[in-house]
Amino acid sequence: MQKQIRQFTQVKVSVDRTTASAFKATCVAANVSMASELSHFMINYSKGMITRKDALDFSTRRKRRAIVKRIISELEQLKDAEEDLIDNAPENLREAPVYTLTDHFISILDDAINLLQEMVP
């Protein structure tokens, strides 16, 4: 009987503590393995499914304002997704720590959106 040998590649990912904590909290909230998520990311990256975005052009005031407007739009979409998460949560779980944290995150997003909107007419 032939013995099957598994090969593993170890990848060290260096990030700041805040990013690492946020990643861990997200994986715990979604009930998924951090190793599994990183593995899927590496597979997709190696297949070319995840690519770097082109560098942003900050050369003119108009282009910078357009970039800020795009950021505002993406933050609003993120805020809406988080609000949907809370709205669709079962009543008995709404006081759970992850939902309290999500509520705080929504508040921070709202503040950031308001500040950015003051930057662009």
PDB file of N, CA and C in Angstrom:
ATOM      1  N   MET A   1       0.830  -1.166   0.000  1.00  0.00           N
ATOM      2  CA  MET A   1       0.000   0.000   0.000  1.00  0.00           C
ATOM      3  C   MET A   1       0.884   1.242   0.000  1.00  0.00           C
ATOM      4  N   GLN A   2       0.584   2.147  -0.891  1.00  0.00           N
ATOM      5  CA  GLN A   2       1.391   3.349  -1.036  1.00  0.00           C
ATOM      6  C   GLN A   2       0.904   4.436  -0.072  1.00  0.00           C
ATOM      7  N   LYS A   3       1.846   5.035   0.613  1.00  0.00           N
ATOM      8  CA  LYS A   3       1.519   6.079   1.578  1.00  0.00           C
ATOM      9  C   LYS A   3       1.385   7.410   0.844  1.00  0.00           C
ATOM     10  N   GLN A   4       0.296   8.119   1.129  1.00  0.00           N
ATOM     11  CA  GLN A   4       0.067   9.400   0.481  1.00  0.00           C
ATOM     12  C   GLN A   4       0.815  10.488   1.254  1.00  0.00           C
ATOM     13  N   ILE A   5       1.551  11.291   0.530  1.00  0.00           N
ATOM     14  CA  ILE A   5       2.309  12.376   1.137  1.00  0.00           C
ATOM     15  C   ILE A   5       1.632  13.696   0.789  1.00  0.00           C
ATOM     16  N   ARG A   6       1.349  14.459   1.812  1.00  0.00           N
ATOM     17  CA  ARG A   6       0.750  15.775   1.595  1.00  0.00           C
ATOM     18  C   ARG A   6       1.840  16.831   1.645  1.00  0.00           C
ATOM     19  N   GLN A   7       1.744  17.772   0.738  1.00  0.00           N
ATOM     20  CA  GLN A   7       2.701  18.870   0.745  1.00  0.00           C
ATOM     21  C   GLN A   7       1.966  20.158   1.108  1.00  0.00           C
ATOM     22  N   PHE A   8       2.577  20.914   1.958  1.00  0.00           N
ATOM     23  CA  PHE A   8       1.995  22.172   2.379  1.00  0.00           C
ATOM     24  C   PHE A   8       2.991  23.286   2.108  1.00  0.00           C
ATOM     25  N   THR A   9       2.472  24.415   1.772  1.00  0.00           N
ATOM     26  CA  THR A   9       3.295  25.602   1.611  1.00  0.00           C
ATOM     27  C   THR A   9       2.893  26.581   2.691  1.00  0.00           C
ATOM     28  N   GLN A  10       3.859  27.012   3.445  1.00  0.00           N
ATOM     29  CA  GLN A  10       3.570  27.961   4.511  1.00  0.00           C
ATOM     30  C   GLN A  10       3.779  29.358   3.968  1.00  0.00           C
ATOM     31  N   VAL A  11       2.807  30.203   4.217  1.00  0.00           N
ATOM     32  CA  VAL A  11       2.883  31.586   3.778  1.00  0.00           C
ATOM     33  C   VAL A  11       2.746  32.475   5.001  1.00  0.00           C
ATOM     34  N   LYS A  12       3.684  33.368   5.175  1.00  0.00           N
ATOM     35  CA  LYS A  12       3.608  34.299   6.299  1.00  0.00           C
ATOM     36  C   LYS A  12       3.003  35.593   5.778  1.00  0.00           C
ATOM     37  N   VAL A  13       1.965  36.011   6.448  1.00  0.00           N
ATOM     38  CA  VAL A  13       1.290  37.241   6.064  1.00  0.00           C
ATOM     39  C   VAL A  13       1.534  38.248   7.169  1.00  0.00           C
ATOM     40  N   SER A  14       2.161  39.343   6.819  1.00  0.00           N
ATOM     41  CA  SER A  14       2.442  40.375   7.816  1.00  0.00           C
ATOM     42  C   SER A  14       1.460  41.521   7.635  1.00  0.00           C
ATOM     43  N   VAL A  15       0.733  41.810   8.686  1.00  0.00           N
ATOM     44  CA  VAL A  15      -0.189  42.940   8.692  1.00  0.00           C
ATOM     45  C   VAL A  15      -0.129  43.592  10.062  1.00  0.00           C
ATOM     46  N   ASP A  16      -0.648  44.795  10.138  1.00  0.00           N
ATOM     47  CA  ASP A  16      -0.662  45.437  11.447  1.00  0.00           C
ATOM     48  C   ASP A  16      -1.699  44.749  12.332  1.00  0.00           C
ATOM     49  N   ARG A  17      -1.618  44.987  13.621  1.00  0.00           N
ATOM     50  CA  ARG A  17      -2.485  44.297  14.584  1.00  0.00           C
ATOM     51  C   ARG A  17      -3.961  44.607  14.368  1.00  0.00           C
ATOM     52  N   THR A  18      -4.267  45.834  13.974  1.00  0.00           N
ATOM     53  CA  THR A  18      -5.655  46.219  13.761  1.00  0.00           C
ATOM     54  C   THR A  18      -6.263  45.424  12.611  1.00  0.00           C
ATOM     55  N   THR A  19      -5.522  45.306  11.512  1.00  0.00           N
ATOM     56  CA  THR A  19      -6.006  44.546  10.362  1.00  0.00           C
ATOM     57  C   THR A  19      -6.161  43.077  10.723  1.00  0.00           C
ATOM     58  N   ALA A  20      -5.187  42.531  11.441  1.00  0.00           N
ATOM     59  CA  ALA A  20      -5.256  41.128  11.849  1.00  0.00           C
ATOM     60  C   ALA A  20      -6.461  40.889  12.754  1.00  0.00           C
ATOM     61  N   SER A  21      -6.698  41.806  13.693  1.00  0.00           N
ATOM     62  CA  SER A  21      -7.846  41.662  14.597  1.00  0.00           C
ATOM     63  C   SER A  21      -9.163  41.747  13.846  1.00  0.00           C
ATOM     64  N   ALA A  22      -9.243  42.687  12.891  1.00  0.00           N
ATOM     65  CA  ALA A  22     -10.466  42.829  12.101  1.00  0.00           C
ATOM     66  C   ALA A  22     -10.721  41.581  11.259  1.00  0.00           C
ATOM     67  N   PHE A  23      -9.646  41.021  10.679  1.00  0.00           N
ATOM     68  CA  PHE A  23      -9.782  39.805   9.876  1.00  0.00           C
ATOM     69  C   PHE A  23     -10.274  38.650  10.743  1.00  0.00           C
ATOM     70  N   LYS A  24      -9.682  38.518  11.937  1.00  0.00           N
ATOM     71  CA  LYS A  24     -10.077  37.444  12.844  1.00  0.00           C
ATOM     72  C   LYS A  24     -11.537  37.608  13.271  1.00  0.00           C
ATOM     73  N   ALA A  25     -11.926  38.830  13.619  1.00  0.00           N
ATOM     74  CA  ALA A  25     -13.305  39.083  14.051  1.00  0.00           C
ATOM     75  C   ALA A  25     -14.294  38.787  12.926  1.00  0.00           C
ATOM     76  N   THR A  26     -13.933  39.151  11.712  1.00  0.00           N
ATOM     77  CA  THR A  26     -14.806  38.895  10.564  1.00  0.00           C
ATOM     78  C   THR A  26     -14.968  37.395  10.335  1.00  0.00           C
ATOM     79  N   CYS A  27     -13.875  36.658  10.424  1.00  0.00           N
ATOM     80  CA  CYS A  27     -13.939  35.203  10.236  1.00  0.00           C
ATOM     81  C   CYS A  27     -14.770  34.546  11.340  1.00  0.00           C
ATOM     82  N   VAL A  28     -14.600  35.007  12.568  1.00  0.00           N
ATOM     83  CA  VAL A  28     -15.371  34.449  13.683  1.00  0.00           C
ATOM     84  C   VAL A  28     -16.854  34.746  13.487  1.00  0.00           C
ATOM     85  N   ALA A  29     -17.172  35.998  13.094  1.00  0.00           N
ATOM     86  CA  ALA A  29     -18.576  36.376  12.892  1.00  0.00           C
ATOM     87  C   ALA A  29     -19.216  35.568  11.764  1.00  0.00           C
ATOM     88  N   ALA A  30     -18.421  35.270  10.727  1.00  0.00           N
ATOM     89  CA  ALA A  30     -18.938  34.511   9.593  1.00  0.00           C
ATOM     90  C   ALA A  30     -18.837  33.009   9.814  1.00  0.00           C
ATOM     91  N   ASN A  31     -18.237  32.605  10.936  1.00  0.00           N
ATOM     92  CA  ASN A  31     -18.065  31.202  11.285  1.00  0.00           C
ATOM     93  C   ASN A  31     -17.273  30.442  10.213  1.00  0.00           C
ATOM     94  N   VAL A  32     -16.158  31.063   9.771  1.00  0.00           N
ATOM     95  CA  VAL A  32     -15.267  30.426   8.800  1.00  0.00           C
ATOM     96  C   VAL A  32     -13.852  30.398   9.353  1.00  0.00           C
ATOM     97  N   SER A  33     -13.077  29.502   8.856  1.00  0.00           N
ATOM     98  CA  SER A  33     -11.690  29.350   9.281  1.00  0.00           C
ATOM     99  C   SER A  33     -10.827  30.432   8.643  1.00  0.00           C
ATOM    100  N   MET A  34      -9.961  31.052   9.453  1.00  0.00           N
ATOM    101  CA  MET A  34      -9.050  32.059   8.898  1.00  0.00           C
ATOM    102  C   MET A  34      -8.107  31.412   7.886  1.00  0.00           C
ATOM    103  N   ALA A  35      -7.619  30.228   8.200  1.00  0.00           N
ATOM    104  CA  ALA A  35      -6.709  29.530   7.285  1.00  0.00           C
ATOM    105  C   ALA A  35      -7.399  29.232   5.963  1.00  0.00           C
ATOM    106  N   SER A  36      -8.658  28.834   6.036  1.00  0.00           N
ATOM    107  CA  SER A  36      -9.411  28.535   4.832  1.00  0.00           C
ATOM    108  C   SER A  36      -9.583  29.791   3.969  1.00  0.00           C
ATOM    109  N   GLU A  37      -9.923  30.906   4.603  1.00  0.00           N
ATOM    110  CA  GLU A  37     -10.105  32.152   3.855  1.00  0.00           C
ATOM    111  C   GLU A  37      -8.806  32.611   3.204  1.00  0.00           C
ATOM    112  N   LEU A  38      -7.702  32.500   3.940  1.00  0.00           N
ATOM    113  CA  LEU A  38      -6.413  32.867   3.361  1.00  0.00           C
ATOM    114  C   LEU A  38      -6.040  31.937   2.211  1.00  0.00           C
ATOM    115  N   SER A  39      -6.348  30.657   2.361  1.00  0.00           N
ATOM    116  CA  SER A  39      -6.062  29.693   1.293  1.00  0.00           C
ATOM    117  C   SER A  39      -6.848  30.024   0.039  1.00  0.00           C
ATOM    118  N   HIS A  40      -8.142  30.324   0.217  1.00  0.00           N
ATOM    119  CA  HIS A  40      -8.956  30.690  -0.949  1.00  0.00           C
ATOM    120  C   HIS A  40      -8.421  31.948  -1.615  1.00  0.00           C
ATOM    121  N   PHE A  41      -8.009  32.929  -0.799  1.00  0.00           N
ATOM    122  CA  PHE A  41      -7.443  34.150  -1.353  1.00  0.00           C
ATOM    123  C   PHE A  41      -6.192  33.842  -2.175  1.00  0.00           C
ATOM    124  N   MET A  42      -5.286  33.026  -1.619  1.00  0.00           N
ATOM    125  CA  MET A  42      -4.043  32.700  -2.322  1.00  0.00           C
ATOM    126  C   MET A  42      -4.314  31.944  -3.620  1.00  0.00           C
ATOM    127  N   ILE A  43      -5.276  31.036  -3.599  1.00  0.00           N
ATOM    128  CA  ILE A  43      -5.627  30.293  -4.814  1.00  0.00           C
ATOM    129  C   ILE A  43      -6.165  31.245  -5.873  1.00  0.00           C
ATOM    130  N   ASN A  44      -7.091  32.105  -5.472  1.00  0.00           N
ATOM    131  CA  ASN A  44      -7.663  33.057  -6.426  1.00  0.00           C
ATOM    132  C   ASN A  44      -6.616  34.037  -6.935  1.00  0.00           C
ATOM    133  N   TYR A  45      -5.712  34.465  -6.063  1.00  0.00           N
ATOM    134  CA  TYR A  45      -4.663  35.391  -6.466  1.00  0.00           C
ATOM    135  C   TYR A  45      -3.734  34.722  -7.469  1.00  0.00           C
ATOM    136  N   SER A  46      -3.377  33.466  -7.194  1.00  0.00           N
ATOM    137  CA  SER A  46      -2.454  32.764  -8.090  1.00  0.00           C
ATOM    138  C   SER A  46      -3.094  32.466  -9.442  1.00  0.00           C
ATOM    139  N   LYS A  47      -4.404  32.342  -9.492  1.00  0.00           N
ATOM    140  CA  LYS A  47      -5.106  32.099 -10.754  1.00  0.00           C
ATOM    141  C   LYS A  47      -5.369  33.404 -11.504  1.00  0.00           C
ATOM    142  N   GLY A  48      -4.977  34.511 -10.917  1.00  0.00           N
ATOM    143  CA  GLY A  48      -5.166  35.793 -11.581  1.00  0.00           C
ATOM    144  C   GLY A  48      -6.560  36.366 -11.419  1.00  0.00           C
ATOM    145  N   MET A  49      -7.349  35.774 -10.529  1.00  0.00           N
ATOM    146  CA  MET A  49      -8.711  36.270 -10.346  1.00  0.00           C
ATOM    147  C   MET A  49      -8.730  37.551  -9.521  1.00  0.00           C
ATOM    148  N   ILE A  50      -7.690  37.762  -8.734  1.00  0.00           N
ATOM    149  CA  ILE A  50      -7.564  38.980  -7.950  1.00  0.00           C
ATOM    150  C   ILE A  50      -6.373  39.739  -8.511  1.00  0.00           C
ATOM    151  N   THR A  51      -6.604  40.921  -8.953  1.00  0.00           N
ATOM    152  CA  THR A  51      -5.537  41.711  -9.544  1.00  0.00           C
ATOM    153  C   THR A  51      -5.452  43.062  -8.851  1.00  0.00           C
ATOM    154  N   ARG A  52      -4.330  43.678  -9.008  1.00  0.00           N
ATOM    155  CA  ARG A  52      -4.156  45.012  -8.446  1.00  0.00           C
ATOM    156  C   ARG A  52      -4.918  46.009  -9.297  1.00  0.00           C
ATOM    157  N   LYS A  53      -5.463  47.004  -8.637  1.00  0.00           N
ATOM    158  CA  LYS A  53      -6.138  48.053  -9.370  1.00  0.00           C
ATOM    159  C   LYS A  53      -5.091  48.995  -9.947  1.00  0.00           C
ATOM    160  N   ASP A  54      -5.454  49.633 -11.037  1.00  0.00           N
ATOM    161  CA  ASP A  54      -4.550  50.612 -11.617  1.00  0.00           C
ATOM    162  C   ASP A  54      -4.346  51.758 -10.635  1.00  0.00           C
ATOM    163  N   ALA A  55      -3.196  52.377 -10.728  1.00  0.00           N
ATOM    164  CA  ALA A  55      -2.897  53.502  -9.855  1.00  0.00           C
ATOM    165  C   ALA A  55      -3.888  54.634 -10.127  1.00  0.00           C
ATOM    166  N   LEU A  56      -4.297  55.297  -9.071  1.00  0.00           N
ATOM    167  CA  LEU A  56      -5.233  56.402  -9.205  1.00  0.00           C
ATOM    168  C   LEU A  56      -4.511  57.641  -9.709  1.00  0.00           C
ATOM    169  N   ASP A  57      -5.221  58.432 -10.465  1.00  0.00           N
ATOM    170  CA  ASP A  57      -4.668  59.663 -11.026  1.00  0.00           C
ATOM    171  C   ASP A  57      -5.155  60.841 -10.190  1.00  0.00           C
ATOM    172  N   PHE A  58      -4.241  61.454  -9.443  1.00  0.00           N
ATOM    173  CA  PHE A  58      -4.567  62.589  -8.588  1.00  0.00           C
ATOM    174  C   PHE A  58      -4.132  63.920  -9.213  1.00  0.00           C
ATOM    175  N   SER A  59      -3.908  63.943 -10.513  1.00  0.00           N
ATOM    176  CA  SER A  59      -3.268  65.095 -11.137  1.00  0.00           C
ATOM    177  C   SER A  59      -4.111  66.369 -11.155  1.00  0.00           C
ATOM    178  N   THR A  60      -5.423  66.255 -11.154  1.00  0.00           N
ATOM    179  CA  THR A  60      -6.248  67.461 -11.180  1.00  0.00           C
ATOM    180  C   THR A  60      -7.254  67.439 -10.035  1.00  0.00           C
ATOM    181  N   ARG A  61      -7.741  68.609  -9.704  1.00  0.00           N
ATOM    182  CA  ARG A  61      -8.737  68.720  -8.632  1.00  0.00           C
ATOM    183  C   ARG A  61     -10.006  67.943  -8.998  1.00  0.00           C
ATOM    184  N   ARG A  62     -10.417  68.008 -10.247  1.00  0.00           N
ATOM    185  CA  ARG A  62     -11.612  67.290 -10.709  1.00  0.00           C
ATOM    186  C   ARG A  62     -11.452  65.780 -10.503  1.00  0.00           C
ATOM    187  N   LYS A  63     -10.275  65.254 -10.827  1.00  0.00           N
ATOM    188  CA  LYS A  63     -10.025  63.816 -10.663  1.00  0.00           C
ATOM    189  C   LYS A  63     -10.005  63.431  -9.185  1.00  0.00           C
ATOM    190  N   ARG A  64      -9.433  64.290  -8.340  1.00  0.00           N
ATOM    191  CA  ARG A  64      -9.402  64.008  -6.910  1.00  0.00           C
ATOM    192  C   ARG A  64     -10.811  64.008  -6.328  1.00  0.00           C
ATOM    193  N   ARG A  65     -11.648  64.949  -6.750  1.00  0.00           N
ATOM    194  CA  ARG A  65     -13.040  64.990  -6.280  1.00  0.00           C
ATOM    195  C   ARG A  65     -13.808  63.756  -6.742  1.00  0.00           C
ATOM    196  N   ALA A  66     -13.562  63.324  -7.958  1.00  0.00           N
ATOM    197  CA  ALA A  66     -14.228  62.117  -8.463  1.00  0.00           C
ATOM    198  C   ALA A  66     -13.828  60.894  -7.638  1.00  0.00           C
ATOM    199  N   ILE A  67     -12.564  60.837  -7.249  1.00  0.00           N
ATOM    200  CA  ILE A  67     -12.092  59.721  -6.424  1.00  0.00           C
ATOM    201  C   ILE A  67     -12.781  59.756  -5.064  1.00  0.00           C
ATOM    202  N   VAL A  68     -12.893  60.945  -4.457  1.00  0.00           N
ATOM    203  CA  VAL A  68     -13.553  61.069  -3.155  1.00  0.00           C
ATOM    204  C   VAL A  68     -15.021  60.664  -3.277  1.00  0.00           C
ATOM    205  N   LYS A  69     -15.685  61.073  -4.371  1.00  0.00           N
ATOM    206  CA  LYS A  69     -17.088  60.696  -4.571  1.00  0.00           C
ATOM    207  C   LYS A  69     -17.240  59.182  -4.709  1.00  0.00           C
ATOM    208  N   ARG A  70     -16.288  58.561  -5.377  1.00  0.00           N
ATOM    209  CA  ARG A  70     -16.324  57.098  -5.523  1.00  0.00           C
ATOM    210  C   ARG A  70     -16.118  56.423  -4.162  1.00  0.00           C
ATOM    211  N   ILE A  71     -15.220  56.969  -3.350  1.00  0.00           N
ATOM    212  CA  ILE A  71     -14.997  56.425  -2.009  1.00  0.00           C
ATOM    213  C   ILE A  71     -16.265  56.563  -1.174  1.00  0.00           C
ATOM    214  N   ILE A  72     -16.922  57.729  -1.259  1.00  0.00           N
ATOM    215  CA  ILE A  72     -18.176  57.940  -0.528  1.00  0.00           C
ATOM    216  C   ILE A  72     -19.211  56.896  -0.939  1.00  0.00           C
ATOM    217  N   SER A  73     -19.319  56.660  -2.240  1.00  0.00           N
ATOM    218  CA  SER A  73     -20.279  55.677  -2.745  1.00  0.00           C
ATOM    219  C   SER A  73     -19.992  54.279  -2.194  1.00  0.00           C
ATOM    220  N   GLU A  74     -18.715  53.898  -2.181  1.00  0.00           N
ATOM    221  CA  GLU A  74     -18.357  52.572  -1.670  1.00  0.00           C
ATOM    222  C   GLU A  74     -18.594  52.467  -0.171  1.00  0.00           C
ATOM    223  N   LEU A  75     -18.315  53.541   0.571  1.00  0.00           N
ATOM    224  CA  LEU A  75     -18.584  53.536   2.010  1.00  0.00           C
ATOM    225  C   LEU A  75     -20.080  53.435   2.288  1.00  0.00           C
ATOM    226  N   GLU A  76     -20.894  54.108   1.462  1.00  0.00           N
ATOM    227  CA  GLU A  76     -22.349  54.022   1.631  1.00  0.00           C
ATOM    228  C   GLU A  76     -22.852  52.608   1.362  1.00  0.00           C
ATOM    229  N   GLN A  77     -22.277  51.942   0.355  1.00  0.00           N
ATOM    230  CA  GLN A  77     -22.653  50.556   0.071  1.00  0.00           C
ATOM    231  C   GLN A  77     -22.270  49.648   1.235  1.00  0.00           C
ATOM    232  N   LEU A  78     -21.092  49.874   1.792  1.00  0.00           N
ATOM    233  CA  LEU A  78     -20.644  49.089   2.933  1.00  0.00           C
ATOM    234  C   LEU A  78     -21.558  49.319   4.130  1.00  0.00           C
ATOM    235  N   LYS A  79     -21.906  50.568   4.374  1.00  0.00           N
ATOM    236  CA  LYS A  79     -22.808  50.905   5.486  1.00  0.00           C
ATOM    237  C   LYS A  79     -24.166  50.230   5.295  1.00  0.00           C
ATOM    238  N   ASP A  80     -24.700  50.274   4.067  1.00  0.00           N
ATOM    239  CA  ASP A  80     -25.988  49.628   3.782  1.00  0.00           C
ATOM    240  C   ASP A  80     -25.930  48.122   4.042  1.00  0.00           C
ATOM    241  N   ALA A  81     -24.818  47.492   3.658  1.00  0.00           N
ATOM    242  CA  ALA A  81     -24.662  46.049   3.874  1.00  0.00           C
ATOM    243  C   ALA A  81     -24.626  45.733   5.366  1.00  0.00           C
ATOM    244  N   GLU A  82     -23.942  46.558   6.138  1.00  0.00           N
ATOM    245  CA  GLU A  82     -23.881  46.342   7.583  1.00  0.00           C
ATOM    246  C   GLU A  82     -25.249  46.575   8.225  1.00  0.00           C
ATOM    247  N   GLU A  83     -25.980  47.587   7.761  1.00  0.00           N
ATOM    248  CA  GLU A  83     -27.322  47.841   8.286  1.00  0.00           C
ATOM    249  C   GLU A  83     -28.266  46.683   7.962  1.00  0.00           C
ATOM    250  N   ASP A  84     -28.127  46.117   6.762  1.00  0.00           N
ATOM    251  CA  ASP A  84     -28.931  44.950   6.389  1.00  0.00           C
ATOM    252  C   ASP A  84     -28.631  43.769   7.299  1.00  0.00           C
ATOM    253  N   LEU A  85     -27.353  43.617   7.660  1.00  0.00           N
ATOM    254  CA  LEU A  85     -26.963  42.535   8.560  1.00  0.00           C
ATOM    255  C   LEU A  85     -27.691  42.662   9.890  1.00  0.00           C
ATOM    256  N   ILE A  86     -27.714  43.856  10.441  1.00  0.00           N
ATOM    257  CA  ILE A  86     -28.391  44.067  11.720  1.00  0.00           C
ATOM    258  C   ILE A  86     -29.902  43.927  11.567  1.00  0.00           C
ATOM    259  N   ASP A  87     -30.456  44.508  10.499  1.00  0.00           N
ATOM    260  CA  ASP A  87     -31.905  44.450  10.288  1.00  0.00           C
ATOM    261  C   ASP A  87     -32.410  43.018  10.135  1.00  0.00           C
ATOM    262  N   ASN A  88     -31.587  42.146   9.547  1.00  0.00           N
ATOM    263  CA  ASN A  88     -32.009  40.770   9.289  1.00  0.00           C
ATOM    264  C   ASN A  88     -31.575  39.793  10.386  1.00  0.00           C
ATOM    265  N   ALA A  89     -30.953  40.316  11.432  1.00  0.00           N
ATOM    266  CA  ALA A  89     -30.514  39.449  12.531  1.00  0.00           C
ATOM    267  C   ALA A  89     -31.713  39.045  13.371  1.00  0.00           C
ATOM    268  N   PRO A  90     -31.703  37.821  13.869  1.00  0.00           N
ATOM    269  CA  PRO A  90     -32.769  37.400  14.777  1.00  0.00           C
ATOM    270  C   PRO A  90     -32.797  38.305  16.017  1.00  0.00           C
ATOM    271  N   GLU A  91     -33.975  38.539  16.516  1.00  0.00           N
ATOM    272  CA  GLU A  91     -34.160  39.454  17.647  1.00  0.00           C
ATOM    273  C   GLU A  91     -33.320  39.061  18.862  1.00  0.00           C
ATOM    274  N   ASN A  92     -33.218  37.759  19.128  1.00  0.00           N
ATOM    275  CA  ASN A  92     -32.486  37.313  20.317  1.00  0.00           C
ATOM    276  C   ASN A  92     -30.968  37.484  20.192  1.00  0.00           C
ATOM    277  N   LEU A  93     -30.461  37.744  18.991  1.00  0.00           N
ATOM    278  CA  LEU A  93     -29.017  37.915  18.799  1.00  0.00           C
ATOM    279  C   LEU A  93     -28.602  39.372  18.652  1.00  0.00           C
ATOM    280  N   ARG A  94     -29.538  40.276  18.614  1.00  0.00           N
ATOM    281  CA  ARG A  94     -29.203  41.681  18.346  1.00  0.00           C
ATOM    282  C   ARG A  94     -28.359  42.337  19.428  1.00  0.00           C
ATOM    283  N   GLU A  95     -28.339  41.770  20.609  1.00  0.00           N
ATOM    284  CA  GLU A  95     -27.511  42.318  21.689  1.00  0.00           C
ATOM    285  C   GLU A  95     -26.165  41.598  21.799  1.00  0.00           C
ATOM    286  N   ALA A  96     -25.909  40.663  20.894  1.00  0.00           N
ATOM    287  CA  ALA A  96     -24.637  39.939  20.908  1.00  0.00           C
ATOM    288  C   ALA A  96     -23.494  40.916  20.609  1.00  0.00           C
ATOM    289  N   PRO A  97     -22.298  40.640  21.112  1.00  0.00           N
ATOM    290  CA  PRO A  97     -21.156  41.551  20.918  1.00  0.00           C
ATOM    291  C   PRO A  97     -20.867  41.882  19.455  1.00  0.00           C
ATOM    292  N   VAL A  98     -21.008  40.898  18.576  1.00  0.00           N
ATOM    293  CA  VAL A  98     -20.698  41.163  17.173  1.00  0.00           C
ATOM    294  C   VAL A  98     -21.663  42.192  16.572  1.00  0.00           C
ATOM    295  N   TYR A  99     -22.925  42.181  17.011  1.00  0.00           N
ATOM    296  CA  TYR A  99     -23.887  43.146  16.487  1.00  0.00           C
ATOM    297  C   TYR A  99     -23.692  44.514  17.124  1.00  0.00           C
ATOM    298  N   THR A 100     -23.254  44.545  18.378  1.00  0.00           N
ATOM    299  CA  THR A 100     -22.922  45.819  19.018  1.00  0.00           C
ATOM    300  C   THR A 100     -21.730  46.448  18.309  1.00  0.00           C
ATOM    301  N   LEU A 101     -20.752  45.624  17.978  1.00  0.00           N
ATOM    302  CA  LEU A 101     -19.584  46.098  17.236  1.00  0.00           C
ATOM    303  C   LEU A 101     -19.998  46.582  15.851  1.00  0.00           C
ATOM    304  N   THR A 102     -20.897  45.873  15.206  1.00  0.00           N
ATOM    305  CA  THR A 102     -21.380  46.265  13.883  1.00  0.00           C
ATOM    306  C   THR A 102     -22.100  47.607  13.956  1.00  0.00           C
ATOM    307  N   ASP A 103     -22.887  47.812  14.997  1.00  0.00           N
ATOM    308  CA  ASP A 103     -23.584  49.078  15.179  1.00  0.00           C
ATOM    309  C   ASP A 103     -22.583  50.226  15.340  1.00  0.00           C
ATOM    310  N   HIS A 104     -21.514  49.980  16.088  1.00  0.00           N
ATOM    311  CA  HIS A 104     -20.456  50.979  16.264  1.00  0.00           C
ATOM    312  C   HIS A 104     -19.766  51.256  14.927  1.00  0.00           C
ATOM    313  N   PHE A 105     -19.521  50.218  14.148  1.00  0.00           N
ATOM    314  CA  PHE A 105     -18.893  50.339  12.840  1.00  0.00           C
ATOM    315  C   PHE A 105     -19.762  51.188  11.910  1.00  0.00           C
ATOM    316  N   ILE A 106     -21.075  50.994  11.961  1.00  0.00           N
ATOM    317  CA  ILE A 106     -21.994  51.785  11.139  1.00  0.00           C
ATOM    318  C   ILE A 106     -21.901  53.259  11.519  1.00  0.00           C
ATOM    319  N   SER A 107     -21.820  53.534  12.802  1.00  0.00           N
ATOM    320  CA  SER A 107     -21.690  54.909  13.279  1.00  0.00           C
ATOM    321  C   SER A 107     -20.399  55.551  12.760  1.00  0.00           C
ATOM    322  N   ILE A 108     -19.307  54.801  12.801  1.00  0.00           N
ATOM    323  CA  ILE A 108     -18.024  55.307  12.304  1.00  0.00           C
ATOM    324  C   ILE A 108     -18.104  55.558  10.798  1.00  0.00           C
ATOM    325  N   LEU A 109     -18.716  54.625  10.057  1.00  0.00           N
ATOM    326  CA  LEU A 109     -18.875  54.810   8.616  1.00  0.00           C
ATOM    327  C   LEU A 109     -19.697  56.057   8.317  1.00  0.00           C
ATOM    328  N   ASP A 110     -20.764  56.258   9.068  1.00  0.00           N
ATOM    329  CA  ASP A 110     -21.616  57.427   8.877  1.00  0.00           C
ATOM    330  C   ASP A 110     -20.823  58.716   9.095  1.00  0.00           C
ATOM    331  N   ASP A 111     -20.007  58.745  10.143  1.00  0.00           N
ATOM    332  CA  ASP A 111     -19.166  59.920  10.406  1.00  0.00           C
ATOM    333  C   ASP A 111     -18.176  60.156   9.272  1.00  0.00           C
ATOM    334  N   ALA A 112     -17.547  59.084   8.788  1.00  0.00           N
ATOM    335  CA  ALA A 112     -16.578  59.207   7.700  1.00  0.00           C
ATOM    336  C   ALA A 112     -17.245  59.718   6.426  1.00  0.00           C
ATOM    337  N   ILE A 113     -18.427  59.209   6.130  1.00  0.00           N
ATOM    338  CA  ILE A 113     -19.161  59.653   4.936  1.00  0.00           C
ATOM    339  C   ILE A 113     -19.477  61.141   5.050  1.00  0.00           C
ATOM    340  N   ASN A 114     -19.952  61.563   6.212  1.00  0.00           N
ATOM    341  CA  ASN A 114     -20.283  62.978   6.404  1.00  0.00           C
ATOM    342  C   ASN A 114     -19.060  63.869   6.250  1.00  0.00           C
ATOM    343  N   LEU A 115     -17.918  63.450   6.799  1.00  0.00           N
ATOM    344  CA  LEU A 115     -16.693  64.238   6.665  1.00  0.00           C
ATOM    345  C   LEU A 115     -16.243  64.335   5.206  1.00  0.00           C
ATOM    346  N   LEU A 116     -16.316  63.224   4.503  1.00  0.00           N
ATOM    347  CA  LEU A 116     -15.909  63.235   3.094  1.00  0.00           C
ATOM    348  C   LEU A 116     -16.848  64.074   2.239  1.00  0.00           C
ATOM    349  N   GLN A 117     -18.138  64.060   2.555  1.00  0.00           N
ATOM    350  CA  GLN A 117     -19.090  64.852   1.794  1.00  0.00           C
ATOM    351  C   GLN A 117     -18.844  66.348   1.963  1.00  0.00           C
ATOM    352  N   GLU A 118     -18.264  66.738   3.087  1.00  0.00           N
ATOM    353  CA  GLU A 118     -17.911  68.148   3.289  1.00  0.00           C
ATOM    354  C   GLU A 118     -16.761  68.571   2.381  1.00  0.00           C
ATOM    355  N   MET A 119     -15.964  67.598   1.911  1.00  0.00           N
ATOM    356  CA  MET A 119     -14.807  67.901   1.066  1.00  0.00           C
ATOM    357  C   MET A 119     -15.183  68.198  -0.377  1.00  0.00           C
ATOM    358  N   VAL A 120     -16.270  67.617  -0.838  1.00  0.00           N
ATOM    359  CA  VAL A 120     -16.657  67.789  -2.244  1.00  0.00           C
ATOM    360  C   VAL A 120     -17.987  68.539  -2.333  1.00  0.00           C
ATOM    361  N   PRO A 121     -18.029  69.532  -3.208  1.00  0.00           N
ATOM    362  CA  PRO A 121     -19.274  70.294  -3.344  1.00  0.00           C
ATOM    363  C   PRO A 121     -20.370  69.508  -4.019  1.00  0.00           C
TER     364      PRO A 121
END
